């Protein structure tokens, strides 16, 4: 229930901002989509900052596995998918010696 109340409050706040900058609601599709993209990107600024403040490294691999799926909506790659996309001849080499 708390999520719905927060969502409603955020919607009211956005409505007030729209009224102040004189944007009719609903916003034109391009404006609305850019706003949603900005919200998704803005949400993903916090985890790297928290990680840096904790003294942990922020690597490209970490960003791709933790943040990019949340922005794009695509699930993070699994081990099976990574093996399936590996070039032929590289699969199963760790067991052969």
Protein backbone atom coordinates (compact mmCIF):
# COMPACT_ATOMS: atom_id res chain seq x y z
CA UNK A 1 0.00 0.00 0.00
CA UNK A 2 2.92 2.32 0.79
CA UNK A 3 4.19 2.05 -2.82
CA UNK A 4 0.83 3.24 -4.14
CA UNK A 5 0.77 6.24 -1.80
CA UNK A 6 4.32 7.21 -2.78
CA UNK A 7 3.42 6.78 -6.46
CA UNK A 8 0.33 8.97 -6.05
CA UNK A 9 2.38 11.62 -4.21
CA UNK A 10 5.01 11.59 -6.96
CA UNK A 11 2.28 11.95 -9.59
CA UNK A 12 0.80 14.93 -7.74
CA UNK A 13 4.26 16.52 -7.50
CA UNK A 14 4.83 16.03 -11.24
CA UNK A 15 1.38 17.50 -11.93
CA UNK A 16 2.30 20.59 -9.91
CA UNK A 17 5.59 20.93 -11.79
CA UNK A 18 3.75 20.55 -15.12
CA UNK A 19 1.36 23.32 -14.07
CA UNK A 20 4.24 25.60 -13.04
CA UNK A 21 6.09 25.19 -16.34
CA UNK A 22 2.80 25.27 -18.25
CA UNK A 23 3.06 21.84 -19.88
CA UNK A 24 -0.27 20.24 -20.63
CA UNK A 25 -0.76 16.79 -19.22
CA UNK A 26 -0.44 14.26 -20.67
CA UNK A 27 2.80 15.48 -22.11
CA UNK A 28 3.56 14.92 -25.79
CA UNK A 29 4.93 11.39 -26.28
CA UNK A 30 8.52 12.48 -26.91
CA UNK A 31 8.59 14.63 -23.77
CA UNK A 32 6.99 11.89 -21.68
CA UNK A 33 9.41 9.23 -22.93
CA UNK A 34 12.43 11.44 -22.33
CA UNK A 35 11.16 12.13 -18.84
CA UNK A 36 10.76 8.42 -18.14
CA UNK A 37 14.24 7.73 -19.52
CA UNK A 38 15.61 10.45 -17.25
CA UNK A 39 13.89 8.85 -14.28
CA UNK A 40 15.38 5.43 -15.10
CA UNK A 41 18.86 6.88 -15.49
CA UNK A 42 18.48 8.98 -12.36
CA UNK A 43 17.58 5.88 -10.34
CA UNK A 44 20.81 4.25 -11.45
CA UNK A 45 23.03 7.12 -10.31
CA UNK A 46 22.50 6.19 -6.66
CA UNK A 47 23.96 2.61 -6.63
CA UNK A 48 27.38 3.59 -8.08
CA UNK A 49 27.61 6.56 -5.71
CA UNK A 50 26.79 4.33 -2.73
CA UNK A 51 29.35 1.82 -3.94
CA UNK A 52 32.05 4.50 -4.29
CA UNK A 53 31.28 5.89 -0.83
CA UNK A 54 31.63 2.38 0.60
CA UNK A 55 35.09 2.16 -0.98
CA UNK A 56 34.10 -0.53 -3.47
CA UNK A 57 35.17 -0.29 -7.12
CA UNK A 58 32.69 0.69 -9.82
CA UNK A 59 33.70 -1.23 -12.91
CA UNK A 60 32.14 -1.34 -16.35
CA UNK A 61 31.30 -5.02 -15.82
CA UNK A 62 29.52 -4.22 -12.54
CA UNK A 63 27.63 -1.33 -14.15
CA UNK A 64 26.57 -3.53 -17.08
CA UNK A 65 25.35 -6.32 -14.81
CA UNK A 66 23.67 -4.18 -12.14
CA UNK A 67 22.48 -0.94 -13.77
CA UNK A 68 22.06 -1.45 -17.51
CA UNK A 69 19.39 -4.19 -17.17
CA UNK A 70 17.31 -1.88 -14.98
CA UNK A 71 17.57 0.95 -17.52
CA UNK A 72 16.94 -1.14 -20.63
CA UNK A 73 14.51 -3.65 -19.12
CA UNK A 74 16.54 -6.58 -20.44
CA UNK A 75 17.45 -9.26 -17.89
CA UNK A 76 21.14 -9.59 -17.06
CA UNK A 77 22.96 -12.26 -19.05
CA UNK A 78 23.09 -15.69 -17.47
CA UNK A 79 25.98 -18.13 -17.54
CA UNK A 80 24.13 -20.35 -20.01
CA UNK A 81 23.53 -17.42 -22.35
CA UNK A 82 27.17 -16.36 -22.09
CA UNK A 83 28.34 -19.89 -22.96
CA UNK A 84 25.89 -20.11 -25.87
CA UNK A 85 27.22 -16.87 -27.35
CA UNK A 86 30.90 -17.85 -26.87
CA UNK A 87 32.84 -18.55 -30.07
CA UNK A 88 32.99 -22.21 -31.12
CA UNK A 89 35.95 -24.08 -29.76
CA UNK A 90 36.12 -22.12 -26.49
CA UNK A 91 33.34 -23.99 -24.71
CA UNK A 92 34.36 -26.71 -22.29
CA UNK A 93 38.11 -26.03 -22.50
CA UNK A 94 38.53 -25.68 -18.75
CA UNK A 95 37.89 -29.43 -18.27
CA UNK A 96 40.34 -30.50 -21.00
CA UNK A 97 44.05 -30.43 -20.36
